[in-house]
């Protein structure tokens, strides 16, 4: 597979992001607990959320690079489709991805509003900016991730159906739909994981490290899996071997689902602790006034 099949996100961007964030100060936040350089501070005080957020973004990136961008090069180089069809697959996938981001965001708003109206759940209630959208995002993210994990391999089967360009276009639209619908939920959730004192470092670094460790490997692992399965099954089932690039996006989507559930648990515990602390502080102020 030639070098032009490699997506623009590559391992060096993770090193560059770490170098940039190493000494870059965080914005001033009232009451923040900034202590030392932000990179060391986030590793000492928010290590678990940071690691899980990197894993959360794994599916976000590989869903786009592995299922929307990479098929164009793979289809052409594996001689499954013509260059024109490969280009159309990429265009359809990106247009679908961009379009369904809007619907994904609207769905987070609507579902969050319905849950809040019923008094169901507390995620996002104290957030003055995102509120109901955050509540909807927390609830929909595991659903979107699970649905994507189930559908990735069937869509790759459709992508490489012998002699059917239309099947590849439908598969590209399906990948764009899955990635676009899930992306708003991941973005909204990811921005709420870290407190303001380390938010810029936490979000920016975890986002870029996910590029470095996951999406940048899509073409290498995808081609290696394809060659391994083709060698093991040839010449009996070449069509099955052509679905092998689904392996890495599938793994990453499962990682994202597990990380989302774990982060939601941690976030709910943090919110409960904040509510309890606020109630205790309010009670002390009332006691002080009575005295």
Protein backbone atom coordinates (compact mmCIF):
# COMPACT_ATOMS: atom_id res chain seq x y z
CA UNK A 1 0.00 0.00 0.00
CA UNK A 2 1.63 3.30 -1.01
CA UNK A 3 2.26 6.20 1.31
CA UNK A 4 -0.64 8.25 -0.05
CA UNK A 5 -2.99 5.79 1.65
CA UNK A 6 -1.84 7.02 5.07
CA UNK A 7 -4.20 9.59 6.62
CA UNK A 8 -2.90 12.98 7.61
CA UNK A 9 -3.07 12.19 11.34
CA UNK A 10 0.17 10.42 12.14
CA UNK A 11 2.11 9.47 15.29
CA UNK A 12 4.31 12.57 15.33
CA UNK A 13 1.28 14.76 16.08
CA UNK A 14 0.97 13.17 19.53
CA UNK A 15 4.58 14.09 20.34
CA UNK A 16 4.04 17.63 19.01
CA UNK A 17 0.88 18.02 21.12
CA UNK A 18 2.73 16.89 24.26
CA UNK A 19 5.58 19.30 23.55
CA UNK A 20 3.16 22.20 23.05
CA UNK A 21 1.17 21.43 26.20
CA UNK A 22 4.29 20.81 28.31
CA UNK A 23 4.72 24.41 29.44
CA UNK A 24 1.63 26.11 28.01
CA UNK A 25 -0.25 27.74 30.90
CA UNK A 26 -3.93 27.11 31.51
CA UNK A 27 -6.38 30.04 31.47
CA UNK A 28 -6.94 31.67 34.85
CA UNK A 29 -9.94 30.11 36.60
CA UNK A 30 -11.43 31.46 39.78
CA UNK A 31 -10.71 29.05 42.61
CA UNK A 32 -8.66 26.78 40.33
CA UNK A 33 -6.09 24.44 41.82
CA UNK A 34 -3.33 25.13 39.27
CA UNK A 35 -0.11 23.73 40.65
CA UNK A 36 2.97 23.60 38.47
CA UNK A 37 3.08 22.80 34.76
CA UNK A 38 -0.35 21.67 33.46
CA UNK A 39 0.93 18.39 32.00
CA UNK A 40 2.41 17.22 35.31
CA UNK A 41 -0.61 18.56 37.21
CA UNK A 42 -3.16 16.67 35.13
CA UNK A 43 -1.16 13.45 35.38
CA UNK A 44 -0.94 13.72 39.17
CA UNK A 45 -4.48 14.83 39.95
CA UNK A 46 -6.67 13.66 37.02
CA UNK A 47 -4.84 10.63 35.68
CA UNK A 48 -7.79 8.23 35.41
CA UNK A 49 -10.14 10.69 33.62
CA UNK A 50 -7.30 11.63 31.29
CA UNK A 51 -6.56 8.03 30.29
CA UNK A 52 -10.23 7.21 29.81
CA UNK A 53 -10.75 10.35 27.71
CA UNK A 54 -7.93 9.28 25.38
CA UNK A 55 -9.74 5.95 25.02
CA UNK A 56 -13.06 7.75 24.53
CA UNK A 57 -11.67 9.59 21.50
CA UNK A 58 -10.34 6.35 19.97
CA UNK A 59 -13.66 5.51 18.35
CA UNK A 60 -14.25 9.13 17.37
CA UNK A 61 -11.07 9.25 15.30
CA UNK A 62 -10.99 5.75 13.86
CA UNK A 63 -14.67 6.00 12.98
CA UNK A 64 -13.73 8.81 10.63
CA UNK A 65 -10.24 7.90 9.44
CA UNK A 66 -10.76 4.14 9.38
CA UNK A 67 -14.27 3.96 7.92
CA UNK A 68 -14.78 7.22 6.00
CA UNK A 69 -11.32 8.23 4.70
CA UNK A 70 -9.31 5.00 4.45
CA UNK A 71 -11.75 3.00 2.25
CA UNK A 72 -11.03 5.26 -0.73
CA UNK A 73 -7.36 4.24 -0.87
CA UNK A 74 -8.02 0.65 0.15
CA UNK A 75 -10.68 0.01 -2.49
CA UNK A 76 -8.40 1.29 -5.25
CA UNK A 77 -5.18 -0.36 -4.12
CA UNK A 78 -6.89 -3.72 -3.49
CA UNK A 79 -8.38 -3.46 -7.01
CA UNK A 80 -11.92 -3.72 -5.68
CA UNK A 81 -13.15 -0.43 -7.19
CA UNK A 82 -11.93 2.12 -9.73
CA UNK A 83 -10.27 5.37 -8.69
CA UNK A 84 -13.44 7.30 -9.60
CA UNK A 85 -15.60 5.08 -7.41
CA UNK A 86 -13.09 5.33 -4.57
CA UNK A 87 -13.25 9.11 -4.79
CA UNK A 88 -17.06 9.03 -4.78
CA UNK A 89 -16.99 6.77 -1.70
CA UNK A 90 -14.86 9.34 0.14
CA UNK A 91 -17.09 12.25 -0.92
CA UNK A 92 -20.33 10.50 0.04
CA UNK A 93 -18.88 9.42 3.37
CA UNK A 94 -17.69 12.93 4.27
CA UNK A 95 -20.93 14.60 3.19
CA UNK A 96 -22.93 12.10 5.22
CA UNK A 97 -20.64 12.58 8.19
CA UNK A 98 -20.98 16.38 8.11
CA UNK A 99 -24.74 16.30 7.58
CA UNK A 100 -25.56 13.86 10.36
CA UNK A 101 -23.50 15.81 12.91
CA UNK A 102 -26.36 18.31 12.91
CA UNK A 103 -28.92 15.58 13.56
CA UNK A 104 -26.72 14.07 16.27
CA UNK A 105 -26.57 17.38 18.10
CA UNK A 106 -30.33 17.93 17.76
CA UNK A 107 -30.99 14.43 19.09
CA UNK A 108 -28.81 15.11 22.17
CA UNK A 109 -30.84 18.29 22.80
CA UNK A 110 -34.21 16.60 22.39
CA UNK A 111 -33.43 13.46 24.38
CA UNK A 112 -31.83 15.51 27.14
CA UNK A 113 -34.88 17.76 27.30
CA UNK A 114 -37.25 14.81 27.56
CA UNK A 115 -35.18 13.18 30.30
CA UNK A 116 -34.90 16.43 32.26
CA UNK A 117 -38.66 17.01 32.00
CA UNK A 118 -39.27 13.56 33.49
CA UNK A 119 -36.74 14.16 36.25
CA UNK A 120 -34.61 11.28 35.01
CA UNK A 121 -30.88 11.46 35.69
CA UNK A 122 -28.66 14.24 36.99
CA UNK A 123 -25.83 14.44 34.46
CA UNK A 124 -25.58 18.03 33.27
CA UNK A 125 -28.17 19.59 35.55
CA UNK A 126 -25.59 21.81 37.26
CA UNK A 127 -23.94 22.81 33.99
CA UNK A 128 -25.20 26.29 33.03
CA UNK A 129 -23.98 26.10 29.44
CA UNK A 130 -24.77 22.59 28.19
CA UNK A 131 -27.39 21.37 30.67
CA UNK A 132 -29.94 19.21 28.86
CA UNK A 133 -27.63 18.67 25.87
CA UNK A 134 -25.02 17.15 28.18
CA UNK A 135 -27.64 14.90 29.76
CA UNK A 136 -28.72 13.67 26.34
CA UNK A 137 -25.11 13.18 25.23
CA UNK A 138 -24.26 11.04 28.26
CA UNK A 139 -27.28 8.81 27.66
CA UNK A 140 -26.90 8.51 23.88
CA UNK A 141 -23.14 8.01 23.67
CA UNK A 142 -23.10 4.33 24.76
CA UNK A 143 -26.05 3.65 22.44
CA UNK A 144 -24.33 5.26 19.43
CA UNK A 145 -21.06 3.48 20.27
CA UNK A 146 -22.73 0.08 20.65
CA UNK A 147 -24.70 0.50 17.43
CA UNK A 148 -21.53 1.46 15.58
CA UNK A 149 -19.66 -1.54 16.98
CA UNK A 150 -22.43 -3.84 15.75
CA UNK A 151 -22.67 -2.32 12.27
CA UNK A 152 -19.02 -1.69 11.31
CA UNK A 153 -18.31 -5.18 9.95
CA UNK A 154 -21.65 -5.52 8.05
CA UNK A 155 -21.02 -2.14 6.43
CA UNK A 156 -17.52 -3.23 5.41
CA UNK A 157 -19.09 -6.35 3.91
CA UNK A 158 -21.32 -4.05 1.90
CA UNK A 159 -18.37 -1.82 1.02
CA UNK A 160 -16.49 -4.63 -0.76
CA UNK A 161 -19.37 -6.51 -2.41
CA UNK A 162 -17.86 -7.75 -5.70
CA UNK A 163 -18.86 -5.75 -8.77
CA UNK A 164 -21.25 -3.32 -7.00
CA UNK A 165 -20.22 0.32 -6.90
CA UNK A 166 -23.62 1.27 -5.48
CA UNK A 167 -23.06 -1.00 -2.48
CA UNK A 168 -19.86 0.89 -1.65
CA UNK A 169 -21.66 4.23 -1.85
CA UNK A 170 -24.39 3.02 0.50
CA UNK A 171 -21.77 1.71 2.91
CA UNK A 172 -19.95 5.05 2.82
CA UNK A 173 -23.21 6.86 3.62
CA UNK A 174 -23.80 4.44 6.49
CA UNK A 175 -20.34 5.04 7.95
CA UNK A 176 -20.88 8.79 7.68
CA UNK A 177 -24.22 8.45 9.47
CA UNK A 178 -22.72 6.46 12.36
CA UNK A 179 -19.73 8.75 12.81
CA UNK A 180 -21.72 11.96 12.39
CA UNK A 181 -24.46 10.97 14.84
CA UNK A 182 -21.97 9.93 17.54
CA UNK A 183 -19.50 12.80 17.18
CA UNK A 184 -21.57 15.59 18.88
CA UNK A 185 -22.18 13.37 21.91
CA UNK A 186 -18.47 12.56 22.29
CA UNK A 187 -17.42 16.20 21.85
CA UNK A 188 -19.93 17.51 24.43
CA UNK A 189 -19.05 14.80 26.93
CA UNK A 190 -15.30 15.20 26.40
CA UNK A 191 -15.43 18.91 27.25
CA UNK A 192 -17.02 18.20 30.64
CA UNK A 193 -14.57 15.60 31.93
CA UNK A 194 -11.97 17.98 33.36
CA UNK A 195 -12.35 20.94 35.73
CA UNK A 196 -11.52 24.39 34.41
CA UNK A 197 -8.04 24.38 35.91
CA UNK A 198 -6.84 21.68 33.49
CA UNK A 199 -9.56 21.65 30.82
CA UNK A 200 -7.46 22.95 27.91
CA UNK A 201 -4.63 20.51 28.58
CA UNK A 202 -6.94 17.58 29.30
CA UNK A 203 -9.13 17.92 26.22
CA UNK A 204 -6.43 19.04 23.78
CA UNK A 205 -3.86 16.46 24.76
CA UNK A 206 -6.25 13.50 25.02
CA UNK A 207 -7.74 14.38 21.62
CA UNK A 208 -4.32 14.46 19.93
CA UNK A 209 -2.97 11.39 21.70
CA UNK A 210 -5.99 9.45 20.46
CA UNK A 211 -4.97 10.51 16.95
CA UNK A 212 -1.43 9.36 17.66
CA UNK A 213 -2.19 5.94 19.15
CA UNK A 214 -5.37 4.94 17.31
CA UNK A 215 -6.44 6.66 14.09
CA UNK A 216 -2.90 7.03 12.73
CA UNK A 217 -2.62 3.23 12.76
CA UNK A 218 -5.74 2.65 10.64
CA UNK A 219 -3.98 2.18 7.27
CA UNK A 220 -1.15 0.08 8.70
CA UNK A 221 -3.31 -2.29 10.74
CA UNK A 222 -6.02 -2.35 8.08
CA UNK A 223 -3.60 -3.40 5.34
CA UNK A 224 -1.77 -5.86 7.62
CA UNK A 225 -5.07 -7.51 8.59
CA UNK A 226 -6.14 -7.66 4.94
CA UNK A 227 -2.88 -9.27 3.85
CA UNK A 228 -2.92 -11.76 6.74
CA UNK A 229 -6.51 -12.88 6.14
CA UNK A 230 -5.98 -13.00 2.37
CA UNK A 231 -2.93 -15.20 2.81
CA UNK A 232 -4.79 -17.51 5.21
CA UNK A 233 -7.96 -17.86 3.12
CA UNK A 234 -6.82 -17.43 -0.49
CA UNK A 235 -8.02 -18.29 -2.96
CA UNK A 236 -11.26 -19.56 -1.41
CA UNK A 237 -12.76 -16.38 0.08
CA UNK A 238 -11.13 -13.19 -1.28
CA UNK A 239 -14.29 -11.22 -0.47
CA UNK A 240 -14.01 -12.14 3.23
CA UNK A 241 -10.39 -11.00 3.29
CA UNK A 242 -11.45 -7.62 1.91
CA UNK A 243 -13.51 -7.00 5.06
CA UNK A 244 -10.42 -7.32 7.30
CA UNK A 245 -9.87 -3.51 7.60
CA UNK A 246 -13.00 -3.47 9.80
CA UNK A 247 -10.93 -5.04 12.59
CA UNK A 248 -9.21 -1.91 13.94
CA UNK A 249 -12.26 0.43 13.87
CA UNK A 250 -14.29 -2.34 15.52
CA UNK A 251 -11.78 -2.71 18.35
CA UNK A 252 -11.59 1.04 18.86
CA UNK A 253 -15.36 1.43 18.98
CA UNK A 254 -15.59 -1.20 21.70
CA UNK A 255 -12.85 0.66 23.60
CA UNK A 256 -14.87 3.87 23.30
CA UNK A 257 -18.00 2.17 24.65
CA UNK A 258 -16.17 0.89 27.72
CA UNK A 259 -14.49 4.27 28.31
CA UNK A 260 -17.82 6.11 27.96
CA UNK A 261 -19.48 3.94 30.61
CA UNK A 262 -16.54 4.36 32.98
CA UNK A 263 -16.37 8.14 32.47
CA UNK A 264 -20.11 8.46 33.05
CA UNK A 265 -19.76 6.64 36.36
CA UNK A 266 -16.88 8.92 37.40
CA UNK A 267 -18.75 12.03 36.28
CA UNK A 268 -21.91 11.11 38.23
CA UNK A 269 -19.82 10.48 41.36
CA UNK A 270 -18.09 13.84 40.93
CA UNK A 271 -21.42 15.63 40.49
CA UNK A 272 -22.90 13.95 43.57
CA UNK A 273 -19.87 14.99 45.62
CA UNK A 274 -20.17 18.57 44.35
CA UNK A 275 -23.87 18.70 45.22
CA UNK A 276 -23.19 17.31 48.70
CA UNK A 277 -20.40 19.85 49.26
CA UNK A 278 -22.64 22.70 48.11
CA UNK A 279 -25.42 21.53 50.47
CA UNK A 280 -22.99 21.31 53.39
CA UNK A 281 -21.66 24.79 52.65
CA UNK A 282 -25.18 26.18 52.49
CA UNK A 283 -26.06 24.56 55.80
CA UNK A 284 -22.98 26.08 57.46
CA UNK A 285 -23.91 29.54 56.21
CA UNK A 286 -27.43 29.14 57.60
CA UNK A 287 -26.04 27.99 60.95
CA UNK A 288 -23.71 30.99 60.99
CA UNK A 289 -26.58 33.42 60.42
CA UNK A 290 -28.63 31.78 63.17
CA UNK A 291 -25.76 32.18 65.59
